[in-house]
Amino acid sequence: MKKNIVLITGMSGAGTSSSVNALEDMGYYCIDNLPKELLPEFKKVILESDIYSKIALSVSAIHYLWFYNAFKDMNVNLRVLILDAQDDELLLRYRFTRRLHPLIAFHMADTLEEAINKERSYFQQVNLEAEHLIRIDTTNMSSSELANRIRNRFKMELETGLAITFQSFGFKKGVPMDADMIIDVRFLKNPFYVDELKHKTGNDFDVYQYVMKDNLTIEFCQQLKAMLDLVFKEYNQQNRSQIIIAIGCTGGQHRSVSVCNWLYDAYKQSYRCFKSHRDIGVNEV
């Protein structure tokens, strides 16, 4: 049986510790900041031992390529988990925890802003197009939400076929950076302006009916599904492992939630599907 190796990388402060904890709970042997000089011996241990069948390595931006190049040609199931968050959120997290950014600790930056800019610039220059690449934007996620997202991604990793996540969001809180496709539904009729629906969400039956029974929504969803049928079919034939479809309205409460739920129900029998509602506090299921 092939070994399963996960490289956890991305922006410092974007959730590495929570990701390691989640994978450890799933039976992965997790190692944080293994010195690159130990890679040759470590590879030998992996290949010769039956104990370490599931391994997760947390690696920094500086050393990511060393580890990726070391494992990419091995006969293993290699996945790369890339964590990201908006710069303002990273600044807030570091100032709240008062931890030292790794680039400052290694005297590669003098300020937190400089460290974040340098690290992001580095990742923009690195080829991160691994075959099984998972990107997660943790900007608006709690630690428990991130752990739940990771469990959903990896608990079926031995199964084949495309995994699809439908995620609702509000444009006023920013676009999810890990989305593969953004669907804008702000042109649909808005329940926000109906007093009895204003404080409800697309998870409520009367809001869902208000959005989905409108003629414009019906026509839009028919055309959207025809396009996604083709996209999913082609991605599946190309052995792509996962895709994230983000559906956005103004506040992420009514229209996007309703359309997200409709898409999930439309595809859950054909693909491994997940859904989450970022801006109404509902974790991925």
C-alpha atoms as a PDB file:
ATOM      1  CA  MET A   1       0.000   0.000   0.000  1.00  0.00           C
ATOM      2  CA  LYS A   2       1.277   3.454  -0.881  1.00  0.00           C
ATOM      3  CA  LYS A   3       2.276   5.822   1.891  1.00  0.00           C
ATOM      4  CA  ASN A   4       0.122   8.928   2.356  1.00  0.00           C
ATOM      5  CA  ILE A   5       2.169  12.098   2.781  1.00  0.00           C
ATOM      6  CA  VAL A   6       0.736  15.567   3.356  1.00  0.00           C
ATOM      7  CA  LEU A   7       2.869  18.709   3.155  1.00  0.00           C
ATOM      8  CA  ILE A   8       1.303  21.523   5.166  1.00  0.00           C
ATOM      9  CA  THR A   9       2.532  24.958   4.136  1.00  0.00           C
ATOM     10  CA  GLY A  10       1.340  28.472   3.406  1.00  0.00           C
ATOM     11  CA  MET A  11       1.335  31.795   5.198  1.00  0.00           C
ATOM     12  CA  SER A  12       2.574  31.741   8.784  1.00  0.00           C
ATOM     13  CA  GLY A  13      -0.349  32.358  11.112  1.00  0.00           C
ATOM     14  CA  ALA A  14      -2.919  30.937   8.683  1.00  0.00           C
ATOM     15  CA  GLY A  15      -3.685  27.844  10.769  1.00  0.00           C
ATOM     16  CA  THR A  16      -0.801  25.384  10.599  1.00  0.00           C
ATOM     17  CA  SER A  17      -1.124  24.273  14.220  1.00  0.00           C
ATOM     18  CA  SER A  18      -4.863  23.630  13.908  1.00  0.00           C
ATOM     19  CA  SER A  19      -4.267  21.677  10.694  1.00  0.00           C
ATOM     20  CA  VAL A  20      -1.592  19.526  12.301  1.00  0.00           C
ATOM     21  CA  ASN A  21      -3.892  18.788  15.233  1.00  0.00           C
ATOM     22  CA  ALA A  22      -6.752  17.814  12.915  1.00  0.00           C
ATOM     23  CA  LEU A  23      -4.578  15.442  10.883  1.00  0.00           C
ATOM     24  CA  GLU A  24      -3.066  13.977  14.043  1.00  0.00           C
ATOM     25  CA  ASP A  25      -6.583  13.172  15.245  1.00  0.00           C
ATOM     26  CA  MET A  26      -7.077  11.283  11.969  1.00  0.00           C
ATOM     27  CA  GLY A  27      -4.089   9.047  12.613  1.00  0.00           C
ATOM     28  CA  TYR A  28      -1.381  10.955  10.783  1.00  0.00           C
ATOM     29  CA  TYR A  29       2.114  10.978  12.216  1.00  0.00           C
ATOM     30  CA  CYS A  30       2.797  14.730  12.280  1.00  0.00           C
ATOM     31  CA  ILE A  31       6.172  16.458  12.252  1.00  0.00           C
ATOM     32  CA  ASP A  32       6.673  20.211  12.554  1.00  0.00           C
ATOM     33  CA  ASN A  33       9.688  21.918  10.937  1.00  0.00           C
ATOM     34  CA  LEU A  34      11.800  18.859  10.157  1.00  0.00           C
ATOM     35  CA  PRO A  35      15.293  20.129   9.200  1.00  0.00           C
ATOM     36  CA  LYS A  36      15.789  19.708   5.448  1.00  0.00           C
ATOM     37  CA  GLU A  37      19.204  18.159   6.109  1.00  0.00           C
ATOM     38  CA  LEU A  38      17.423  15.130   7.590  1.00  0.00           C
ATOM     39  CA  LEU A  39      15.320  14.513   4.474  1.00  0.00           C
ATOM     40  CA  PRO A  40      17.486  11.738   2.919  1.00  0.00           C
ATOM     41  CA  GLU A  41      17.430   9.677   6.110  1.00  0.00           C
ATOM     42  CA  PHE A  42      13.767  10.457   6.686  1.00  0.00           C
ATOM     43  CA  LYS A  43      12.823   9.211   3.211  1.00  0.00           C
ATOM     44  CA  LYS A  44      14.674   5.977   3.885  1.00  0.00           C
ATOM     45  CA  VAL A  45      12.768   5.461   7.146  1.00  0.00           C
ATOM     46  CA  ILE A  46       9.441   6.052   5.400  1.00  0.00           C
ATOM     47  CA  LEU A  47      10.147   3.538   2.650  1.00  0.00           C
ATOM     48  CA  GLU A  48      11.507   0.828   4.924  1.00  0.00           C
ATOM     49  CA  SER A  49       8.980   1.042   7.764  1.00  0.00           C
ATOM     50  CA  ASP A  50       5.383  -0.175   7.773  1.00  0.00           C
ATOM     51  CA  ILE A  51       4.588   1.926  10.838  1.00  0.00           C
ATOM     52  CA  TYR A  52       4.489   5.310   9.097  1.00  0.00           C
ATOM     53  CA  SER A  53       1.737   4.901   6.524  1.00  0.00           C
ATOM     54  CA  LYS A  54       0.186   8.360   7.048  1.00  0.00           C
ATOM     55  CA  ILE A  55       2.569  11.265   7.543  1.00  0.00           C
ATOM     56  CA  ALA A  56       1.984  15.018   7.687  1.00  0.00           C
ATOM     57  CA  LEU A  57       4.892  17.451   7.548  1.00  0.00           C
ATOM     58  CA  SER A  58       4.532  21.107   8.413  1.00  0.00           C
ATOM     59  CA  VAL A  59       7.069  23.046   6.325  1.00  0.00           C
ATOM     60  CA  SER A  60       7.819  26.748   6.032  1.00  0.00           C
ATOM     61  CA  ALA A  61       7.734  28.902   2.925  1.00  0.00           C
ATOM     62  CA  ILE A  62      11.521  28.911   2.924  1.00  0.00           C
ATOM     63  CA  HIS A  63      11.889  25.131   2.799  1.00  0.00           C
ATOM     64  CA  TYR A  64       8.727  24.067   0.960  1.00  0.00           C
ATOM     65  CA  LEU A  65      10.415  23.329  -2.382  1.00  0.00           C
ATOM     66  CA  TRP A  66      13.045  21.118  -0.734  1.00  0.00           C
ATOM     67  CA  PHE A  67      10.322  18.872   0.675  1.00  0.00           C
ATOM     68  CA  TYR A  68       8.073  18.903  -2.381  1.00  0.00           C
ATOM     69  CA  ASN A  69      10.922  17.977  -4.719  1.00  0.00           C
ATOM     70  CA  ALA A  70      12.024  15.244  -2.317  1.00  0.00           C
ATOM     71  CA  PHE A  71       8.640  13.484  -2.370  1.00  0.00           C
ATOM     72  CA  LYS A  72       7.056  14.304  -5.728  1.00  0.00           C
ATOM     73  CA  ASP A  73       8.776  11.462  -7.611  1.00  0.00           C
ATOM     74  CA  MET A  74       8.410   8.875  -4.858  1.00  0.00           C
ATOM     75  CA  ASN A  75       5.782   6.163  -5.124  1.00  0.00           C
ATOM     76  CA  VAL A  76       3.541   7.805  -2.512  1.00  0.00           C
ATOM     77  CA  ASN A  77       0.172   9.545  -2.352  1.00  0.00           C
ATOM     78  CA  LEU A  78       1.388  13.131  -2.004  1.00  0.00           C
ATOM     79  CA  ARG A  79      -0.941  15.968  -1.076  1.00  0.00           C
ATOM     80  CA  VAL A  80      -0.095  19.615  -0.504  1.00  0.00           C
ATOM     81  CA  LEU A  81      -2.240  21.603   1.917  1.00  0.00           C
ATOM     82  CA  ILE A  82      -1.765  25.349   1.448  1.00  0.00           C
ATOM     83  CA  LEU A  83      -3.187  27.659   4.098  1.00  0.00           C
ATOM     84  CA  ASP A  84      -3.741  31.332   3.446  1.00  0.00           C
ATOM     85  CA  ALA A  85      -5.466  34.335   5.001  1.00  0.00           C
ATOM     86  CA  GLN A  86      -5.776  38.001   4.179  1.00  0.00           C
ATOM     87  CA  ASP A  87      -2.871  40.166   5.329  1.00  0.00           C
ATOM     88  CA  ASP A  88      -4.987  42.195   7.769  1.00  0.00           C
ATOM     89  CA  GLU A  89      -6.167  38.997   9.430  1.00  0.00           C
ATOM     90  CA  LEU A  90      -2.600  37.656   9.714  1.00  0.00           C
ATOM     91  CA  LEU A  91      -1.488  40.916  11.328  1.00  0.00           C
ATOM     92  CA  LEU A  92      -4.380  40.744  13.773  1.00  0.00           C
ATOM     93  CA  ARG A  93      -3.605  37.134  14.732  1.00  0.00           C
ATOM     94  CA  TYR A  94       0.069  37.809  15.373  1.00  0.00           C
ATOM     95  CA  ARG A  95      -0.656  40.911  17.419  1.00  0.00           C
ATOM     96  CA  PHE A  96      -3.256  39.034  19.424  1.00  0.00           C
ATOM     97  CA  THR A  97      -1.038  36.029  20.194  1.00  0.00           C
ATOM     98  CA  ARG A  98       2.178  38.107  20.352  1.00  0.00           C
ATOM     99  CA  ARG A  99       4.072  35.302  18.671  1.00  0.00           C
ATOM    100  CA  LEU A 100       7.202  35.997  16.640  1.00  0.00           C
ATOM    101  CA  HIS A 101       6.933  35.569  12.876  1.00  0.00           C
ATOM    102  CA  PRO A 102       9.455  32.949  11.600  1.00  0.00           C
ATOM    103  CA  LEU A 103      11.075  35.388   9.153  1.00  0.00           C
ATOM    104  CA  ILE A 104      11.713  37.824  11.999  1.00  0.00           C
ATOM    105  CA  ALA A 105      13.091  34.995  14.143  1.00  0.00           C
ATOM    106  CA  PHE A 106      15.520  34.070  11.334  1.00  0.00           C
ATOM    107  CA  HIS A 107      16.514  37.743  10.872  1.00  0.00           C
ATOM    108  CA  MET A 108      15.021  37.837   7.374  1.00  0.00           C
ATOM    109  CA  ALA A 109      12.627  40.689   8.205  1.00  0.00           C
ATOM    110  CA  ASP A 110      12.523  43.503  10.740  1.00  0.00           C
ATOM    111  CA  THR A 111       8.796  44.120  11.069  1.00  0.00           C
ATOM    112  CA  LEU A 112       5.674  41.980  10.965  1.00  0.00           C
ATOM    113  CA  GLU A 113       4.386  43.783   7.864  1.00  0.00           C
ATOM    114  CA  GLU A 114       7.695  43.182   6.071  1.00  0.00           C
ATOM    115  CA  ALA A 115       7.696  39.497   7.072  1.00  0.00           C
ATOM    116  CA  ILE A 116       4.174  38.931   5.725  1.00  0.00           C
ATOM    117  CA  ASN A 117       4.967  40.744   2.469  1.00  0.00           C
ATOM    118  CA  LYS A 118       8.171  38.750   1.952  1.00  0.00           C
ATOM    119  CA  GLU A 119       6.505  35.430   2.677  1.00  0.00           C
ATOM    120  CA  ARG A 120       3.615  36.156   0.308  1.00  0.00           C
ATOM    121  CA  SER A 121       6.012  37.296  -2.389  1.00  0.00           C
ATOM    122  CA  TYR A 122       7.940  34.059  -2.011  1.00  0.00           C
ATOM    123  CA  PHE A 123       4.856  31.888  -2.461  1.00  0.00           C
ATOM    124  CA  GLN A 124       3.788  33.873  -5.508  1.00  0.00           C
ATOM    125  CA  GLN A 125       7.070  32.923  -7.162  1.00  0.00           C
ATOM    126  CA  VAL A 126       6.926  29.226  -6.258  1.00  0.00           C
ATOM    127  CA  ASN A 127       5.123  26.744  -8.500  1.00  0.00           C
ATOM    128  CA  LEU A 128       2.341  25.359  -6.319  1.00  0.00           C
ATOM    129  CA  GLU A 129       0.606  23.318  -8.991  1.00  0.00           C
ATOM    130  CA  ALA A 130       0.955  19.941  -7.353  1.00  0.00           C
ATOM    131  CA  GLU A 131      -1.348  17.210  -8.645  1.00  0.00           C
ATOM    132  CA  HIS A 132      -3.276  16.971  -5.392  1.00  0.00           C
ATOM    133  CA  LEU A 133      -3.300  20.535  -4.121  1.00  0.00           C
ATOM    134  CA  ILE A 134      -5.728  21.720  -1.446  1.00  0.00           C
ATOM    135  CA  ARG A 135      -6.009  25.452  -0.785  1.00  0.00           C
ATOM    136  CA  ILE A 136      -7.893  26.742   2.235  1.00  0.00           C
ATOM    137  CA  ASP A 137      -8.557  30.402   2.961  1.00  0.00           C
ATOM    138  CA  THR A 138      -8.812  30.640   6.755  1.00  0.00           C
ATOM    139  CA  THR A 139      -9.533  34.380   6.972  1.00  0.00           C
ATOM    140  CA  ASN A 140     -13.041  33.974   8.376  1.00  0.00           C
ATOM    141  CA  MET A 141     -12.571  30.542   9.937  1.00  0.00           C
ATOM    142  CA  SER A 142     -12.329  29.558  13.560  1.00  0.00           C
ATOM    143  CA  SER A 143      -9.941  26.768  14.547  1.00  0.00           C
ATOM    144  CA  SER A 144     -12.840  24.315  14.814  1.00  0.00           C
ATOM    145  CA  GLU A 145     -14.141  25.283  11.357  1.00  0.00           C
ATOM    146  CA  LEU A 146     -10.701  24.744   9.851  1.00  0.00           C
ATOM    147  CA  ALA A 147     -10.361  21.371  11.559  1.00  0.00           C
ATOM    148  CA  ASN A 148     -13.769  20.347  10.224  1.00  0.00           C
ATOM    149  CA  ARG A 149     -12.824  21.418   6.678  1.00  0.00           C
ATOM    150  CA  ILE A 150      -9.621  19.366   6.842  1.00  0.00           C
ATOM    151  CA  ARG A 151     -11.393  16.289   8.206  1.00  0.00           C
ATOM    152  CA  ASN A 152     -13.867  16.440   5.324  1.00  0.00           C
ATOM    153  CA  ARG A 153     -11.047  16.780   2.793  1.00  0.00           C
ATOM    154  CA  PHE A 154      -8.985  13.874   4.071  1.00  0.00           C
ATOM    155  CA  LYS A 155     -11.408  11.366   5.556  1.00  0.00           C
ATOM    156  CA  MET A 156     -12.244  10.086   2.046  1.00  0.00           C
ATOM    157  CA  GLU A 157      -8.788  10.428   0.573  1.00  0.00           C
ATOM    158  CA  LEU A 158      -8.654   6.774  -0.464  1.00  0.00           C
ATOM    159  CA  GLU A 159     -11.813   7.145  -2.512  1.00  0.00           C
ATOM    160  CA  THR A 160     -11.566   8.200  -6.123  1.00  0.00           C
ATOM    161  CA  GLY A 161     -13.539  10.806  -7.991  1.00  0.00           C
ATOM    162  CA  LEU A 162     -14.076  14.521  -7.762  1.00  0.00           C
ATOM    163  CA  ALA A 163     -14.955  16.130  -4.425  1.00  0.00           C
ATOM    164  CA  ILE A 164     -16.968  19.335  -4.731  1.00  0.00           C
ATOM    165  CA  THR A 165     -17.479  22.013  -2.090  1.00  0.00           C
ATOM    166  CA  PHE A 166     -20.268  24.557  -2.505  1.00  0.00           C
ATOM    167  CA  GLN A 167     -19.666  27.578  -0.278  1.00  0.00           C
ATOM    168  CA  SER A 168     -21.895  30.605   0.230  1.00  0.00           C
ATOM    169  CA  PHE A 169     -20.384  33.967   1.133  1.00  0.00           C
ATOM    170  CA  GLY A 170     -21.066  37.708   1.217  1.00  0.00           C
ATOM    171  CA  PHE A 171     -19.074  40.034  -1.011  1.00  0.00           C
ATOM    172  CA  LYS A 172     -19.027  42.698   1.705  1.00  0.00           C
ATOM    173  CA  LYS A 173     -16.774  40.415   3.786  1.00  0.00           C
ATOM    174  CA  GLY A 174     -14.448  39.549   0.906  1.00  0.00           C
ATOM    175  CA  VAL A 175     -14.157  36.803  -1.691  1.00  0.00           C
ATOM    176  CA  PRO A 176     -12.881  33.357  -0.523  1.00  0.00           C
ATOM    177  CA  MET A 177      -9.294  33.146  -1.751  1.00  0.00           C
ATOM    178  CA  ASP A 178      -9.369  29.358  -2.101  1.00  0.00           C
ATOM    179  CA  ALA A 179     -12.352  29.276  -4.469  1.00  0.00           C
ATOM    180  CA  ASP A 180     -11.847  27.796  -7.941  1.00  0.00           C
ATOM    181  CA  MET A 181     -14.970  29.463  -9.315  1.00  0.00           C
ATOM    182  CA  ILE A 182     -16.961  32.504  -8.114  1.00  0.00           C
ATOM    183  CA  ILE A 183     -20.682  32.643  -8.883  1.00  0.00           C
ATOM    184  CA  ASP A 184     -22.222  36.112  -8.315  1.00  0.00           C
ATOM    185  CA  VAL A 185     -25.963  35.947  -7.494  1.00  0.00           C
ATOM    186  CA  ARG A 186     -26.445  39.563  -6.388  1.00  0.00           C
ATOM    187  CA  PHE A 187     -28.761  40.138  -9.359  1.00  0.00           C
ATOM    188  CA  LEU A 188     -31.410  37.775  -7.952  1.00  0.00           C
ATOM    189  CA  LYS A 189     -34.429  39.031  -6.020  1.00  0.00           C
ATOM    190  CA  ASN A 190     -33.310  39.871  -2.467  1.00  0.00           C
ATOM    191  CA  PRO A 191     -35.306  38.646   0.599  1.00  0.00           C
ATOM    192  CA  PHE A 192     -33.457  41.248   2.709  1.00  0.00           C
ATOM    193  CA  TYR A 193     -36.073  43.801   1.693  1.00  0.00           C
ATOM    194  CA  VAL A 194     -38.960  41.656   2.919  1.00  0.00           C
ATOM    195  CA  ASP A 195     -39.543  42.399   6.607  1.00  0.00           C
ATOM    196  CA  GLU A 196     -40.533  38.874   7.655  1.00  0.00           C
ATOM    197  CA  LEU A 197     -37.517  37.367   5.833  1.00  0.00           C
ATOM    198  CA  LYS A 198     -34.842  39.967   6.553  1.00  0.00           C
ATOM    199  CA  HIS A 199     -33.468  38.316   9.684  1.00  0.00           C
ATOM    200  CA  LYS A 200     -33.709  34.741   8.408  1.00  0.00           C
ATOM    201  CA  THR A 201     -31.322  32.835   6.104  1.00  0.00           C
ATOM    202  CA  GLY A 202     -31.451  30.635   3.036  1.00  0.00           C
ATOM    203  CA  ASN A 203     -31.560  27.647   5.399  1.00  0.00           C
ATOM    204  CA  ASP A 204     -35.107  28.679   6.338  1.00  0.00           C
ATOM    205  CA  PHE A 205     -37.818  27.199   4.120  1.00  0.00           C
ATOM    206  CA  ASP A 206     -39.665  30.457   3.417  1.00  0.00           C
ATOM    207  CA  VAL A 207     -36.468  32.279   2.385  1.00  0.00           C
ATOM    208  CA  TYR A 208     -35.387  29.356   0.207  1.00  0.00           C
ATOM    209  CA  GLN A 209     -38.781  29.284  -1.506  1.00  0.00           C
ATOM    210  CA  TYR A 210     -38.737  33.058  -2.036  1.00  0.00           C
ATOM    211  CA  VAL A 211     -35.359  32.863  -3.801  1.00  0.00           C
ATOM    212  CA  MET A 212     -35.601  29.580  -5.660  1.00  0.00           C
ATOM    213  CA  LYS A 213     -39.192  29.857  -6.936  1.00  0.00           C
ATOM    214  CA  ASP A 214     -38.570  33.174  -8.669  1.00  0.00           C
ATOM    215  CA  ASN A 215     -38.580  32.832 -12.472  1.00  0.00           C
ATOM    216  CA  LEU A 216     -35.204  34.557 -12.852  1.00  0.00           C
ATOM    217  CA  THR A 217     -33.615  32.167 -10.328  1.00  0.00           C
ATOM    218  CA  ILE A 218     -35.127  29.148 -12.072  1.00  0.00           C
ATOM    219  CA  GLU A 219     -33.736  30.221 -15.452  1.00  0.00           C
ATOM    220  CA  PHE A 220     -30.346  31.086 -13.952  1.00  0.00           C
ATOM    221  CA  CYS A 221     -30.005  27.765 -12.107  1.00  0.00           C
ATOM    222  CA  GLN A 222     -30.891  25.785 -15.208  1.00  0.00           C
ATOM    223  CA  GLN A 223     -28.118  27.481 -17.183  1.00  0.00           C
ATOM    224  CA  LEU A 224     -25.682  27.338 -14.266  1.00  0.00           C
ATOM    225  CA  LYS A 225     -26.234  23.604 -13.835  1.00  0.00           C
ATOM    226  CA  ALA A 226     -25.690  22.981 -17.558  1.00  0.00           C
ATOM    227  CA  MET A 227     -22.333  24.745 -17.328  1.00  0.00           C
ATOM    228  CA  LEU A 228     -21.299  22.967 -14.114  1.00  0.00           C
ATOM    229  CA  ASP A 229     -22.303  19.584 -15.538  1.00  0.00           C
ATOM    230  CA  LEU A 230     -19.681  20.079 -18.241  1.00  0.00           C
ATOM    231  CA  VAL A 231     -17.058  21.485 -15.859  1.00  0.00           C
ATOM    232  CA  PHE A 232     -17.425  18.661 -13.335  1.00  0.00           C
ATOM    233  CA  LYS A 233     -17.423  15.991 -16.037  1.00  0.00           C
ATOM    234  CA  GLU A 234     -14.162  17.291 -17.526  1.00  0.00           C
ATOM    235  CA  TYR A 235     -12.474  17.763 -14.143  1.00  0.00           C
ATOM    236  CA  ASN A 236     -13.484  14.261 -13.123  1.00  0.00           C
ATOM    237  CA  GLN A 237     -12.060  12.765 -16.335  1.00  0.00           C
ATOM    238  CA  GLN A 238      -8.818  14.652 -15.712  1.00  0.00           C
ATOM    239  CA  ASN A 239      -8.602  13.051 -12.240  1.00  0.00           C
ATOM    240  CA  ARG A 240      -8.810  16.336 -10.421  1.00  0.00           C
ATOM    241  CA  SER A 241      -9.362  15.619  -6.741  1.00  0.00           C
ATOM    242  CA  GLN A 242     -11.418  18.614  -5.601  1.00  0.00           C
ATOM    243  CA  ILE A 243     -12.988  21.901  -6.644  1.00  0.00           C
ATOM    244  CA  ILE A 244     -14.541  24.738  -4.636  1.00  0.00           C
ATOM    245  CA  ILE A 245     -17.518  26.629  -6.049  1.00  0.00           C
ATOM    246  CA  ALA A 246     -18.198  29.842  -4.117  1.00  0.00           C
ATOM    247  CA  ILE A 247     -21.609  31.483  -4.461  1.00  0.00           C
ATOM    248  CA  GLY A 248     -21.768  35.100  -3.364  1.00  0.00           C
ATOM    249  CA  CYS A 249     -24.457  37.662  -2.646  1.00  0.00           C
ATOM    250  CA  THR A 250     -24.186  40.954  -0.757  1.00  0.00           C
ATOM    251  CA  GLY A 251     -24.286  39.698   2.827  1.00  0.00           C
ATOM    252  CA  GLY A 252     -23.981  35.930   2.402  1.00  0.00           C
ATOM    253  CA  GLN A 253     -27.268  35.306   4.210  1.00  0.00           C
ATOM    254  CA  HIS A 254     -30.156  34.771   1.783  1.00  0.00           C
ATOM    255  CA  ARG A 255     -29.557  34.313  -1.958  1.00  0.00           C
ATOM    256  CA  SER A 256     -26.115  32.722  -1.859  1.00  0.00           C
ATOM    257  CA  VAL A 257     -27.160  30.299   0.898  1.00  0.00           C
ATOM    258  CA  SER A 258     -30.267  29.276  -1.033  1.00  0.00           C
ATOM    259  CA  VAL A 259     -28.425  28.677  -4.314  1.00  0.00           C
ATOM    260  CA  CYS A 260     -25.613  26.877  -2.469  1.00  0.00           C
ATOM    261  CA  ASN A 261     -28.145  24.506  -0.878  1.00  0.00           C
ATOM    262  CA  TRP A 262     -29.820  23.925  -4.247  1.00  0.00           C
ATOM    263  CA  LEU A 263     -26.514  23.057  -5.937  1.00  0.00           C
ATOM    264  CA  TYR A 264     -25.524  20.700  -3.120  1.00  0.00           C
ATOM    265  CA  ASP A 265     -28.833  18.835  -3.429  1.00  0.00           C
ATOM    266  CA  ALA A 266     -28.480  18.739  -7.223  1.00  0.00           C
ATOM    267  CA  TYR A 267     -25.052  17.068  -7.184  1.00  0.00           C
ATOM    268  CA  LYS A 268     -24.776  15.115  -3.930  1.00  0.00           C
ATOM    269  CA  GLN A 269     -25.905  11.867  -5.557  1.00  0.00           C
ATOM    270  CA  SER A 270     -23.346  12.115  -8.373  1.00  0.00           C
ATOM    271  CA  TYR A 271     -20.215  13.370  -6.595  1.00  0.00           C
ATOM    272  CA  ARG A 272     -18.687  13.593  -3.141  1.00  0.00           C
ATOM    273  CA  CYS A 273     -20.176  16.934  -2.145  1.00  0.00           C
ATOM    274  CA  PHE A 274     -19.733  19.282   0.794  1.00  0.00           C
ATOM    275  CA  LYS A 275     -21.333  22.602   1.583  1.00  0.00           C
ATOM    276  CA  SER A 276     -20.608  25.456   3.954  1.00  0.00           C
ATOM    277  CA  HIS A 277     -22.103  28.863   4.654  1.00  0.00           C
ATOM    278  CA  ARG A 278     -19.213  31.123   5.565  1.00  0.00           C
ATOM    279  CA  ASP A 279     -21.053  34.192   6.755  1.00  0.00           C
ATOM    280  CA  ILE A 280     -23.902  32.689   8.765  1.00  0.00           C
ATOM    281  CA  GLY A 281     -21.632  30.576  10.960  1.00  0.00           C
ATOM    282  CA  VAL A 282     -22.460  27.138   9.562  1.00  0.00           C
ATOM    283  CA  ASN A 283     -19.533  24.720   9.319  1.00  0.00           C
ATOM    284  CA  GLU A 284     -18.897  22.537   6.306  1.00  0.00           C
ATOM    285  CA  VAL A 285     -21.000  19.391   6.150  1.00  0.00           C
END
